[in-house]
C-alpha atoms as a PDB file:
ATOM      1  CA  MET A   1     -31.236 -12.055  73.462  1.00  0.00           C
ATOM      2  CA  SER A   2     -32.591 -15.331  72.166  1.00  0.00           C
ATOM      3  CA  ALA A   3     -29.393 -16.710  72.127  1.00  0.00           C
ATOM      4  CA  PHE A   4     -28.594 -16.477  75.782  1.00  0.00           C
ATOM      5  CA  LEU A   5     -30.392 -18.744  78.072  1.00  0.00           C
ATOM      6  CA  PHE A   6     -29.973 -19.376  81.853  1.00  0.00           C
ATOM      7  CA  PHE A   7     -32.087 -21.863  83.964  1.00  0.00           C
ATOM      8  CA  HIS A   8     -32.102 -23.813  86.933  1.00  0.00           C
ATOM      9  CA  GLU A   9     -34.306 -26.680  88.315  1.00  0.00           C
ATOM     10  CA  SER A  10     -36.865 -25.365  90.735  1.00  0.00           C
ATOM     11  CA  SER A  11     -38.255 -27.701  93.595  1.00  0.00           C
ATOM     12  CA  ILE A  12     -40.942 -29.318  91.358  1.00  0.00           C
ATOM     13  CA  GLY A  13     -38.486 -29.747  88.680  1.00  0.00           C
ATOM     14  CA  VAL A  14     -39.526 -27.371  86.146  1.00  0.00           C
ATOM     15  CA  PRO A  15     -37.033 -25.311  84.325  1.00  0.00           C
ATOM     16  CA  LYS A  16     -37.045 -21.545  85.349  1.00  0.00           C
ATOM     17  CA  GLN A  17     -35.628 -19.262  82.744  1.00  0.00           C
ATOM     18  CA  SER A  18     -34.508 -15.575  83.343  1.00  0.00           C
ATOM     19  CA  THR A  19     -36.689 -12.830  81.934  1.00  0.00           C
ATOM     20  CA  GLU A  20     -35.500 -10.939  78.898  1.00  0.00           C
ATOM     21  CA  LEU A  21     -34.685  -7.806  80.919  1.00  0.00           C
ATOM     22  CA  GLU A  22     -32.743  -9.883  83.430  1.00  0.00           C
ATOM     23  CA  LEU A  23     -30.438 -11.398  80.312  1.00  0.00           C
ATOM     24  CA  ALA A  24     -30.145  -7.955  78.807  1.00  0.00           C
ATOM     25  CA  ARG A  25     -28.832  -6.278  82.068  1.00  0.00           C
ATOM     26  CA  ASP A  26     -26.646  -9.462  82.820  1.00  0.00           C
ATOM     27  CA  VAL A  27     -25.296  -9.289  79.272  1.00  0.00           C
ATOM     28  CA  GLN A  28     -24.831  -5.458  78.945  1.00  0.00           C
ATOM     29  CA  ASP A  29     -22.708  -5.639  82.388  1.00  0.00           C
ATOM     30  CA  HIS A  30     -20.624  -8.315  81.044  1.00  0.00           C
ATOM     31  CA  LEU A  31     -19.745  -6.460  77.572  1.00  0.00           C
ATOM     32  CA  ILE A  32     -18.199  -3.776  80.041  1.00  0.00           C
ATOM     33  CA  THR A  33     -15.949  -6.246  81.438  1.00  0.00           C
ATOM     34  CA  ALA A  34     -15.215  -8.472  78.538  1.00  0.00           C
ATOM     35  CA  GLU A  35     -12.520  -6.227  77.319  1.00  0.00           C
ATOM     36  CA  PRO A  36     -10.265  -6.601  80.352  1.00  0.00           C
ATOM     37  CA  HIS A  37     -10.806 -10.310  80.232  1.00  0.00           C
ATOM     38  CA  MET A  38      -9.692 -10.361  76.446  1.00  0.00           C
ATOM     39  CA  LEU A  39      -6.648  -8.544  77.581  1.00  0.00           C
ATOM     40  CA  GLY A  40      -5.607 -12.002  79.258  1.00  0.00           C
ATOM     41  CA  PHE A  41      -5.063 -12.957  75.661  1.00  0.00           C
ATOM     42  CA  GLY A  42      -1.881 -10.913  75.221  1.00  0.00           C
ATOM     43  CA  LYS A  43      -2.594  -7.251  75.755  1.00  0.00           C
ATOM     44  CA  MET A  44      -0.625  -6.173  72.760  1.00  0.00           C
ATOM     45  CA  TYR A  45      -2.672  -8.429  70.606  1.00  0.00           C
ATOM     46  CA  ILE A  46      -6.231  -7.087  71.509  1.00  0.00           C
ATOM     47  CA  LEU A  47      -4.997  -3.464  71.418  1.00  0.00           C
ATOM     48  CA  GLU A  48      -3.789  -4.046  67.732  1.00  0.00           C
ATOM     49  CA  LEU A  49      -6.758  -6.078  66.991  1.00  0.00           C
ATOM     50  CA  GLN A  50      -8.780  -3.451  68.137  1.00  0.00           C
ATOM     51  CA  ASN A  51      -7.084  -0.931  66.119  1.00  0.00           C
ATOM     52  CA  VAL A  52      -7.024  -3.058  62.919  1.00  0.00           C
ATOM     53  CA  LEU A  53     -10.715  -3.754  63.075  1.00  0.00           C
ATOM     54  CA  HIS A  54     -11.477  -0.238  63.865  1.00  0.00           C
ATOM     55  CA  GLU A  55      -9.344   1.322  61.061  1.00  0.00           C
ATOM     56  CA  THR A  56     -10.063  -1.069  58.256  1.00  0.00           C
ATOM     57  CA  PRO A  57     -13.704  -1.697  58.001  1.00  0.00           C
ATOM     58  CA  ASN A  58     -14.960  -3.601  55.107  1.00  0.00           C
ATOM     59  CA  ARG A  59     -11.754  -5.187  54.087  1.00  0.00           C
ATOM     60  CA  MET A  60     -10.169  -8.459  53.923  1.00  0.00           C
ATOM     61  CA  TRP A  61      -6.653  -9.249  55.245  1.00  0.00           C
ATOM     62  CA  THR A  62      -3.999  -8.282  53.024  1.00  0.00           C
ATOM     63  CA  GLN A  63      -0.236  -8.824  53.074  1.00  0.00           C
ATOM     64  CA  SER A  64       0.150  -5.169  54.262  1.00  0.00           C
ATOM     65  CA  MET A  65      -1.735  -6.036  57.558  1.00  0.00           C
ATOM     66  CA  SER A  66      -0.181  -7.708  60.593  1.00  0.00           C
ATOM     67  CA  VAL A  67       0.147 -11.339  59.962  1.00  0.00           C
ATOM     68  CA  GLU A  68       0.633 -11.676  63.521  1.00  0.00           C
ATOM     69  CA  VAL A  69      -2.803 -10.605  64.253  1.00  0.00           C
ATOM     70  CA  ILE A  70      -5.104 -11.104  61.413  1.00  0.00           C
ATOM     71  CA  SER A  71      -5.030 -14.551  59.065  1.00  0.00           C
ATOM     72  CA  TYR A  72      -6.478 -14.644  55.698  1.00  0.00           C
ATOM     73  CA  ASP A  73      -9.503 -16.607  57.039  1.00  0.00           C
ATOM     74  CA  CYS A  74     -10.678 -13.733  59.304  1.00  0.00           C
ATOM     75  CA  PRO A  75     -12.467 -11.135  57.348  1.00  0.00           C
ATOM     76  CA  LEU A  76     -12.543  -7.387  58.411  1.00  0.00           C
ATOM     77  CA  ILE A  77     -15.909  -6.624  58.933  1.00  0.00           C
ATOM     78  CA  THR A  78     -17.667  -3.148  60.119  1.00  0.00           C
ATOM     79  CA  HIS A  79     -18.085  -3.237  63.889  1.00  0.00           C
ATOM     80  CA  ILE A  80     -16.482  -6.595  63.980  1.00  0.00           C
ATOM     81  CA  TYR A  81     -14.739  -5.626  67.045  1.00  0.00           C
ATOM     82  CA  ASP A  82     -17.899  -4.846  68.790  1.00  0.00           C
ATOM     83  CA  PHE A  83     -19.374  -8.044  67.660  1.00  0.00           C
ATOM     84  CA  VAL A  84     -16.345  -9.868  69.249  1.00  0.00           C
ATOM     85  CA  LYS A  85     -16.823  -8.238  72.615  1.00  0.00           C
ATOM     86  CA  THR A  86     -20.377  -9.192  72.480  1.00  0.00           C
ATOM     87  CA  ILE A  87     -19.692 -12.935  71.845  1.00  0.00           C
ATOM     88  CA  ALA A  88     -17.116 -12.649  74.606  1.00  0.00           C
ATOM     89  CA  GLY A  89     -19.573 -10.969  76.926  1.00  0.00           C
ATOM     90  CA  GLY A  90     -22.183 -13.475  76.402  1.00  0.00           C
ATOM     91  CA  SER A  91     -19.973 -16.603  77.395  1.00  0.00           C
ATOM     92  CA  LEU A  92     -18.504 -14.571  80.289  1.00  0.00           C
ATOM     93  CA  THR A  93     -22.147 -13.733  81.584  1.00  0.00           C
ATOM     94  CA  ALA A  94     -23.245 -17.378  80.950  1.00  0.00           C
ATOM     95  CA  ALA A  95     -20.125 -18.569  83.104  1.00  0.00           C
ATOM     96  CA  GLN A  96     -20.764 -16.035  85.638  1.00  0.00           C
ATOM     97  CA  GLN A  97     -24.506 -17.297  85.913  1.00  0.00           C
ATOM     98  CA  LEU A  98     -22.892 -20.871  86.994  1.00  0.00           C
ATOM     99  CA  VAL A  99     -20.142 -19.039  89.315  1.00  0.00           C
ATOM    100  CA  ASP A 100     -23.121 -17.161  91.254  1.00  0.00           C
ATOM    101  CA  GLU A 101     -24.966 -20.251  91.297  1.00  0.00           C
ATOM    102  CA  THR A 102     -28.110 -18.493  89.968  1.00  0.00           C
ATOM    103  CA  ALA A 103     -28.345 -21.179  87.191  1.00  0.00           C
ATOM    104  CA  ASN A 104     -27.123 -24.793  86.904  1.00  0.00           C
ATOM    105  CA  ILE A 105     -26.971 -24.821  83.056  1.00  0.00           C
ATOM    106  CA  ALA A 106     -26.352 -21.742  80.837  1.00  0.00           C
ATOM    107  CA  VAL A 107     -26.202 -21.413  77.057  1.00  0.00           C
ATOM    108  CA  ASN A 108     -24.795 -19.131  74.226  1.00  0.00           C
ATOM    109  CA  TRP A 109     -25.240 -20.564  70.868  1.00  0.00           C
ATOM    110  CA  CYS A 110     -23.425 -17.547  69.687  1.00  0.00           C
ATOM    111  CA  GLY A 111     -20.217 -18.614  71.454  1.00  0.00           C
ATOM    112  CA  GLY A 112     -17.832 -21.338  70.910  1.00  0.00           C
ATOM    113  CA  TRP A 113     -14.991 -19.700  68.870  1.00  0.00           C
ATOM    114  CA  HIS A 114     -12.428 -22.338  69.536  1.00  0.00           C
ATOM    115  CA  HIS A 115      -9.785 -21.575  67.010  1.00  0.00           C
ATOM    116  CA  ALA A 116      -8.595 -18.026  68.342  1.00  0.00           C
ATOM    117  CA  GLN A 117      -5.208 -18.100  69.891  1.00  0.00           C
ATOM    118  CA  ARG A 118      -3.643 -16.082  72.615  1.00  0.00           C
ATOM    119  CA  ASP A 119      -2.015 -13.669  70.257  1.00  0.00           C
ATOM    120  CA  LYS A 120      -3.789 -14.401  66.859  1.00  0.00           C
ATOM    121  CA  ALA A 121      -7.051 -14.568  65.272  1.00  0.00           C
ATOM    122  CA  GLU A 122      -7.625 -17.770  63.332  1.00  0.00           C
ATOM    123  CA  GLY A 123     -10.148 -19.836  61.824  1.00  0.00           C
ATOM    124  CA  PHE A 124     -12.754 -17.165  61.631  1.00  0.00           C
ATOM    125  CA  CYS A 125     -12.390 -16.714  65.228  1.00  0.00           C
ATOM    126  CA  TYR A 126     -10.988 -13.508  66.645  1.00  0.00           C
ATOM    127  CA  VAL A 127     -11.063 -14.181  70.496  1.00  0.00           C
ATOM    128  CA  ASN A 128     -11.580 -17.473  72.096  1.00  0.00           C
ATOM    129  CA  ASP A 129     -14.738 -16.914  74.329  1.00  0.00           C
ATOM    130  CA  ILE A 130     -14.494 -20.515  75.607  1.00  0.00           C
ATOM    131  CA  VAL A 131     -11.061 -19.781  77.395  1.00  0.00           C
ATOM    132  CA  ILE A 132     -12.480 -16.606  78.964  1.00  0.00           C
ATOM    133  CA  ALA A 133     -15.465 -18.608  80.009  1.00  0.00           C
ATOM    134  CA  ILE A 134     -13.268 -21.370  81.521  1.00  0.00           C
ATOM    135  CA  GLN A 135     -11.140 -18.944  83.247  1.00  0.00           C
ATOM    136  CA  LYS A 136     -14.233 -17.244  84.865  1.00  0.00           C
ATOM    137  CA  LEU A 137     -15.443 -20.866  86.014  1.00  0.00           C
ATOM    138  CA  ARG A 138     -12.084 -21.706  87.396  1.00  0.00           C
ATOM    139  CA  GLU A 139     -12.690 -18.710  89.963  1.00  0.00           C
ATOM    140  CA  LYS A 140     -15.034 -21.309  91.530  1.00  0.00           C
ATOM    141  CA  TYR A 141     -14.541 -24.687  90.182  1.00  0.00           C
ATOM    142  CA  ASP A 142     -11.279 -26.218  90.652  1.00  0.00           C
ATOM    143  CA  LYS A 143     -11.150 -28.737  87.732  1.00  0.00           C
ATOM    144  CA  VAL A 144     -13.263 -27.981  84.386  1.00  0.00           C
ATOM    145  CA  LEU A 145     -13.834 -30.660  81.696  1.00  0.00           C
ATOM    146  CA  TYR A 146     -14.092 -29.035  78.286  1.00  0.00           C
ATOM    147  CA  ILE A 147     -15.833 -31.071  75.323  1.00  0.00           C
ATOM    148  CA  ASP A 148     -15.583 -30.169  71.845  1.00  0.00           C
ATOM    149  CA  LEU A 149     -18.028 -31.679  69.326  1.00  0.00           C
ATOM    150  CA  ASP A 150     -17.170 -29.534  66.421  1.00  0.00           C
ATOM    151  CA  ILE A 151     -15.632 -31.342  63.282  1.00  0.00           C
ATOM    152  CA  HIS A 152     -12.673 -29.293  63.879  1.00  0.00           C
ATOM    153  CA  HIS A 153     -10.044 -29.869  66.558  1.00  0.00           C
ATOM    154  CA  GLY A 154     -10.322 -27.188  69.185  1.00  0.00           C
ATOM    155  CA  ASP A 155      -6.833 -26.093  68.982  1.00  0.00           C
ATOM    156  CA  GLY A 156      -7.036 -22.885  70.686  1.00  0.00           C
ATOM    157  CA  VAL A 157      -8.665 -24.227  73.679  1.00  0.00           C
ATOM    158  CA  GLU A 158      -6.182 -26.768  73.935  1.00  0.00           C
ATOM    159  CA  ASN A 159      -3.373 -24.558  73.582  1.00  0.00           C
ATOM    160  CA  ALA A 160      -4.667 -22.272  76.102  1.00  0.00           C
ATOM    161  CA  PHE A 161      -4.679 -24.947  78.805  1.00  0.00           C
ATOM    162  CA  LEU A 162      -1.870 -27.111  77.472  1.00  0.00           C
ATOM    163  CA  ILE A 163       0.235 -27.216  80.686  1.00  0.00           C
ATOM    164  CA  THR A 164      -2.251 -27.355  83.365  1.00  0.00           C
ATOM    165  CA  LYS A 165      -4.132 -30.403  84.867  1.00  0.00           C
ATOM    166  CA  LYS A 166      -7.127 -28.393  86.307  1.00  0.00           C
ATOM    167  CA  VAL A 167      -8.752 -27.973  82.757  1.00  0.00           C
ATOM    168  CA  LEU A 168      -9.177 -31.337  80.661  1.00  0.00           C
ATOM    169  CA  THR A 169      -9.883 -30.840  76.983  1.00  0.00           C
ATOM    170  CA  LEU A 170     -11.657 -33.627  75.184  1.00  0.00           C
ATOM    171  CA  SER A 171     -12.068 -33.131  71.237  1.00  0.00           C
ATOM    172  CA  PHE A 172     -13.900 -35.059  68.889  1.00  0.00           C
ATOM    173  CA  HIS A 173     -13.038 -34.249  65.462  1.00  0.00           C
ATOM    174  CA  LYS A 174     -11.732 -34.966  61.974  1.00  0.00           C
ATOM    175  CA  HIS A 175      -8.083 -35.471  61.642  1.00  0.00           C
ATOM    176  CA  GLY A 176      -6.239 -35.918  58.446  1.00  0.00           C
ATOM    177  CA  PRO A 177      -3.991 -34.251  55.909  1.00  0.00           C
ATOM    178  CA  GLY A 178      -5.209 -30.905  54.506  1.00  0.00           C
ATOM    179  CA  PHE A 179      -8.095 -30.780  56.943  1.00  0.00           C
ATOM    180  CA  TYR A 180      -8.095 -27.640  59.174  1.00  0.00           C
ATOM    181  CA  PRO A 181      -6.442 -26.933  61.513  1.00  0.00           C
ATOM    182  CA  GLY A 182      -4.262 -29.959  61.005  1.00  0.00           C
ATOM    183  CA  SER A 183      -3.753 -30.544  64.866  1.00  0.00           C
ATOM    184  CA  GLY A 184      -5.534 -32.817  67.231  1.00  0.00           C
ATOM    185  CA  ALA A 185      -3.684 -36.333  66.659  1.00  0.00           C
ATOM    186  CA  ILE A 186      -4.529 -39.025  69.095  1.00  0.00           C
ATOM    187  CA  ALA A 187      -0.691 -38.682  70.345  1.00  0.00           C
ATOM    188  CA  ASP A 188      -1.418 -35.114  71.267  1.00  0.00           C
ATOM    189  CA  THR A 189      -1.895 -35.395  75.083  1.00  0.00           C
ATOM    190  CA  GLY A 190      -0.628 -32.207  76.590  1.00  0.00           C
ATOM    191  CA  SER A 191       2.596 -30.859  78.022  1.00  0.00           C
ATOM    192  CA  GLY A 192       4.301 -30.520  81.352  1.00  0.00           C
ATOM    193  CA  ASN A 193       1.657 -30.664  84.398  1.00  0.00           C
ATOM    194  CA  GLY A 194      -1.002 -30.873  81.715  1.00  0.00           C
ATOM    195  CA  LYS A 195       0.712 -34.154  80.073  1.00  0.00           C
ATOM    196  CA  LEU A 196      -2.312 -36.428  79.547  1.00  0.00           C
ATOM    197  CA  TYR A 197      -4.840 -33.935  80.088  1.00  0.00           C
ATOM    198  CA  SER A 198      -5.557 -33.245  76.691  1.00  0.00           C
ATOM    199  CA  ILE A 199      -7.405 -35.963  74.935  1.00  0.00           C
ATOM    200  CA  ASN A 200      -7.923 -35.832  71.288  1.00  0.00           C
ATOM    201  CA  VAL A 201     -10.464 -38.486  69.500  1.00  0.00           C
ATOM    202  CA  PRO A 202      -9.897 -38.145  65.788  1.00  0.00           C
ATOM    203  CA  LEU A 203     -12.577 -39.792  63.838  1.00  0.00           C
ATOM    204  CA  LYS A 204     -13.135 -41.054  60.247  1.00  0.00           C
ATOM    205  CA  ASP A 205     -15.530 -39.717  57.411  1.00  0.00           C
ATOM    206  CA  GLY A 206     -18.956 -40.864  57.543  1.00  0.00           C
ATOM    207  CA  ILE A 207     -19.073 -41.844  61.255  1.00  0.00           C
ATOM    208  CA  LYS A 208     -22.764 -42.300  62.288  1.00  0.00           C
ATOM    209  CA  ASP A 209     -24.575 -41.810  65.279  1.00  0.00           C
ATOM    210  CA  ASP A 210     -24.283 -45.213  66.698  1.00  0.00           C
ATOM    211  CA  LEU A 211     -20.693 -45.615  66.491  1.00  0.00           C
ATOM    212  CA  PHE A 212     -20.166 -41.932  67.494  1.00  0.00           C
ATOM    213  CA  PHE A 213     -22.232 -42.241  70.612  1.00  0.00           C
ATOM    214  CA  GLN A 214     -20.557 -45.616  71.466  1.00  0.00           C
ATOM    215  CA  ILE A 215     -17.038 -43.856  71.333  1.00  0.00           C
ATOM    216  CA  PHE A 216     -18.469 -40.768  73.288  1.00  0.00           C
ATOM    217  CA  ASP A 217     -19.939 -42.985  76.150  1.00  0.00           C
ATOM    218  CA  SER A 218     -16.673 -44.692  76.502  1.00  0.00           C
ATOM    219  CA  VAL A 219     -14.386 -41.822  76.393  1.00  0.00           C
ATOM    220  CA  THR A 220     -16.500 -39.706  78.702  1.00  0.00           C
ATOM    221  CA  SER A 221     -17.310 -42.355  81.175  1.00  0.00           C
ATOM    222  CA  LYS A 222     -13.593 -42.700  82.060  1.00  0.00           C
ATOM    223  CA  VAL A 223     -12.843 -39.315  82.013  1.00  0.00           C
ATOM    224  CA  LEU A 224     -15.476 -38.536  84.330  1.00  0.00           C
ATOM    225  CA  HIS A 225     -14.440 -41.346  86.636  1.00  0.00           C
ATOM    226  CA  VAL A 226     -10.774 -40.388  86.433  1.00  0.00           C
ATOM    227  CA  PHE A 227     -10.726 -36.517  86.323  1.00  0.00           C
ATOM    228  CA  ARG A 228     -13.927 -35.719  88.442  1.00  0.00           C
ATOM    229  CA  PRO A 229     -14.631 -32.493  87.144  1.00  0.00           C
ATOM    230  CA  ASN A 230     -16.320 -29.715  88.938  1.00  0.00           C
ATOM    231  CA  ALA A 231     -18.063 -27.931  86.010  1.00  0.00           C
ATOM    232  CA  VAL A 232     -18.316 -28.977  82.354  1.00  0.00           C
ATOM    233  CA  VAL A 233     -18.197 -26.746  79.086  1.00  0.00           C
ATOM    234  CA  VAL A 234     -19.617 -28.302  76.029  1.00  0.00           C
ATOM    235  CA  GLN A 235     -18.965 -27.005  72.444  1.00  0.00           C
ATOM    236  CA  CYS A 236     -21.509 -27.916  70.188  1.00  0.00           C
ATOM    237  CA  GLY A 237     -20.296 -27.130  66.569  1.00  0.00           C
ATOM    238  CA  ALA A 238     -22.961 -27.994  63.874  1.00  0.00           C
ATOM    239  CA  ASP A 239     -20.490 -28.850  61.315  1.00  0.00           C
ATOM    240  CA  CYS A 240     -20.363 -32.301  62.364  1.00  0.00           C
ATOM    241  CA  LEU A 241     -23.973 -32.953  61.192  1.00  0.00           C
ATOM    242  CA  ASN A 242     -24.748 -34.852  57.982  1.00  0.00           C
ATOM    243  CA  LYS A 243     -25.331 -32.294  54.788  1.00  0.00           C
ATOM    244  CA  ASP A 244     -22.742 -29.681  56.058  1.00  0.00           C
ATOM    245  CA  PRO A 245     -20.874 -28.340  53.158  1.00  0.00           C
ATOM    246  CA  ILE A 246     -17.545 -28.647  55.047  1.00  0.00           C
ATOM    247  CA  GLY A 247     -18.184 -31.461  57.463  1.00  0.00           C
ATOM    248  CA  THR A 248     -17.822 -35.084  56.469  1.00  0.00           C
ATOM    249  CA  PHE A 249     -19.502 -36.782  59.195  1.00  0.00           C
ATOM    250  CA  ASN A 250     -23.035 -38.623  59.103  1.00  0.00           C
ATOM    251  CA  LEU A 251     -24.569 -37.309  62.410  1.00  0.00           C
ATOM    252  CA  THR A 252     -27.971 -36.313  63.226  1.00  0.00           C
ATOM    253  CA  PRO A 253     -29.400 -33.957  65.812  1.00  0.00           C
ATOM    254  CA  LYS A 254     -30.998 -36.766  67.327  1.00  0.00           C
ATOM    255  CA  GLY A 255     -27.983 -38.908  67.538  1.00  0.00           C
ATOM    256  CA  LEU A 256     -25.838 -35.629  69.053  1.00  0.00           C
ATOM    257  CA  GLY A 257     -28.662 -35.248  71.492  1.00  0.00           C
ATOM    258  CA  GLU A 258     -28.019 -38.580  73.122  1.00  0.00           C
ATOM    259  CA  CYS A 259     -24.578 -37.415  74.003  1.00  0.00           C
ATOM    260  CA  ILE A 260     -25.931 -34.157  75.494  1.00  0.00           C
ATOM    261  CA  CYS A 261     -28.354 -36.327  77.603  1.00  0.00           C
ATOM    262  CA  LYS A 262     -25.666 -38.105  79.067  1.00  0.00           C
ATOM    263  CA  VAL A 263     -23.860 -35.032  79.892  1.00  0.00           C
ATOM    264  CA  LEU A 264     -26.964 -33.546  81.657  1.00  0.00           C
ATOM    265  CA  ALA A 265     -27.045 -36.678  83.560  1.00  0.00           C
ATOM    266  CA  TRP A 266     -23.869 -35.951  85.491  1.00  0.00           C
ATOM    267  CA  LYS A 267     -25.792 -33.179  87.324  1.00  0.00           C
ATOM    268  CA  LEU A 268     -22.676 -30.840  87.009  1.00  0.00           C
ATOM    269  CA  PRO A 269     -22.751 -27.158  86.208  1.00  0.00           C
ATOM    270  CA  LEU A 270     -22.925 -26.929  82.672  1.00  0.00           C
ATOM    271  CA  LEU A 271     -22.042 -24.548  79.914  1.00  0.00           C
ATOM    272  CA  PHE A 272     -23.157 -25.323  76.335  1.00  0.00           C
ATOM    273  CA  LEU A 273     -21.891 -23.184  73.509  1.00  0.00           C
ATOM    274  CA  GLY A 274     -22.258 -22.958  69.648  1.00  0.00           C
ATOM    275  CA  GLY A 275     -19.568 -23.257  67.255  1.00  0.00           C
ATOM    276  CA  GLY A 276     -19.165 -24.127  63.436  1.00  0.00           C
ATOM    277  CA  GLY A 277     -22.256 -24.811  61.269  1.00  0.00           C
ATOM    278  CA  TYR A 278     -22.220 -24.176  57.285  1.00  0.00           C
ATOM    279  CA  ASN A 279     -25.601 -25.391  56.519  1.00  0.00           C
ATOM    280  CA  LEU A 280     -27.418 -22.665  58.202  1.00  0.00           C
ATOM    281  CA  ALA A 281     -30.751 -24.144  58.359  1.00  0.00           C
ATOM    282  CA  ASN A 282     -29.401 -27.398  60.034  1.00  0.00           C
ATOM    283  CA  THR A 283     -27.414 -25.442  62.421  1.00  0.00           C
ATOM    284  CA  ALA A 284     -30.598 -23.511  63.517  1.00  0.00           C
ATOM    285  CA  ARG A 285     -32.602 -26.766  63.937  1.00  0.00           C
ATOM    286  CA  TYR A 286     -29.637 -28.474  65.728  1.00  0.00           C
ATOM    287  CA  TRP A 287     -29.457 -25.748  68.282  1.00  0.00           C
ATOM    288  CA  THR A 288     -33.151 -25.490  68.793  1.00  0.00           C
ATOM    289  CA  TYR A 289     -33.337 -29.319  69.301  1.00  0.00           C
ATOM    290  CA  LEU A 290     -30.298 -29.070  71.826  1.00  0.00           C
ATOM    291  CA  THR A 291     -32.612 -26.422  73.800  1.00  0.00           C
ATOM    292  CA  SER A 292     -35.478 -28.471  73.971  1.00  0.00           C
ATOM    293  CA  ILE A 293     -33.349 -31.456  75.348  1.00  0.00           C
ATOM    294  CA  LEU A 294     -31.898 -28.948  78.002  1.00  0.00           C
ATOM    295  CA  LEU A 295     -35.356 -27.667  78.665  1.00  0.00           C
ATOM    296  CA  ASP A 296     -36.807 -31.125  78.897  1.00  0.00           C
ATOM    297  CA  GLN A 297     -39.404 -30.029  76.609  1.00  0.00           C
ATOM    298  CA  LYS A 298     -40.701 -32.105  73.250  1.00  0.00           C
ATOM    299  CA  ILE A 299     -40.904 -29.623  70.222  1.00  0.00           C
ATOM    300  CA  PRO A 300     -42.547 -30.980  66.890  1.00  0.00           C
ATOM    301  CA  SER A 301     -40.285 -31.782  63.938  1.00  0.00           C
ATOM    302  CA  GLU A 302     -42.049 -29.452  61.469  1.00  0.00           C
ATOM    303  CA  ILE A 303     -41.020 -25.880  61.740  1.00  0.00           C
ATOM    304  CA  PRO A 304     -43.927 -23.281  62.747  1.00  0.00           C
ATOM    305  CA  GLU A 305     -44.875 -20.847  59.806  1.00  0.00           C
ATOM    306  CA  HIS A 306     -42.609 -17.706  60.267  1.00  0.00           C
ATOM    307  CA  ARG A 307     -41.193 -14.847  58.263  1.00  0.00           C
ATOM    308  CA  GLY A 308     -38.068 -16.193  56.710  1.00  0.00           C
ATOM    309  CA  ILE A 309     -39.060 -20.036  56.684  1.00  0.00           C
ATOM    310  CA  GLU A 310     -38.180 -20.263  53.037  1.00  0.00           C
ATOM    311  CA  LEU A 311     -34.482 -20.042  54.265  1.00  0.00           C
ATOM    312  CA  GLU A 312     -35.134 -23.433  56.322  1.00  0.00           C
ATOM    313  CA  GLY A 313     -35.503 -25.608  53.639  1.00  0.00           C
ATOM    314  CA  GLU A 314     -37.419 -28.831  54.184  1.00  0.00           C
ATOM    315  CA  THR A 315     -39.125 -28.850  57.626  1.00  0.00           C
ATOM    316  CA  LYS A 316     -40.066 -32.327  57.885  1.00  0.00           C
ATOM    317  CA  ASN A 317     -37.968 -34.741  60.076  1.00  0.00           C
ATOM    318  CA  SER A 318     -35.764 -32.262  61.093  1.00  0.00           C
ATOM    319  CA  THR A 319     -34.525 -34.143  64.291  1.00  0.00           C
ATOM    320  CA  LYS A 320     -34.649 -37.511  62.540  1.00  0.00           C
END
């Protein structure tokens, strides 16, 4: 349950967190309702996904399976369908907290699966929990801004809202020949009624904190002024950090934290989600550091002694 966090500012400005029992009850309730929301991705797809994942545990994708449902990069793991429902239920729970105004900030670091399409699992993503959460937010908030900080383009989210002007998708990512998913060029700006409501900011290898924040600050300031969102969803993929085995940016948790502080200053309902991250220790540090920012709490750079600390690697200067 530690991945889920909902809180609001009290009258004295101290974050008030939900109890573990309250979180367990909320998430459990939304696990029950997640499946109908998932059907919004295409009923036949979800039913086929359920059948495939239940009937073929512990097997990888093969040519004999439905190419329309499972791609080569979406492994079939035992109980994966239940896991997918848990991810979707967590993000749906978080969005519901914002809709009910029981929190003004909600977090699901296990969420942020931005590659899943309406009718196909892609890029290790089986169902797009971000789209489900945004659809829930739209029940109350007229306009939702989606910001994607993952090194990969948030193609599944962009495609889901490609033709609407009620959801603006803004993705900062690497874009180039051979780099997944291959979409997200600066010229990709939406379609139909959603023309100019998809914004892509392709970046070069090795970008550092100062330049990244300069670009982020410039683009988001303009978007905030023109689009005037009522709620914001931020995907905080950790594969944009330096030392990630897949990512090629040179960003740090501290630098990205500056971007999060800017978003917090908007004083809007905020949903923060996880995403990619293939250096597990750095990913854990990053999301822990971002959580401390959201809670306005300072934490030491050194990780306290605990079981499994050998998996964390170097513990000093983890946010530098």
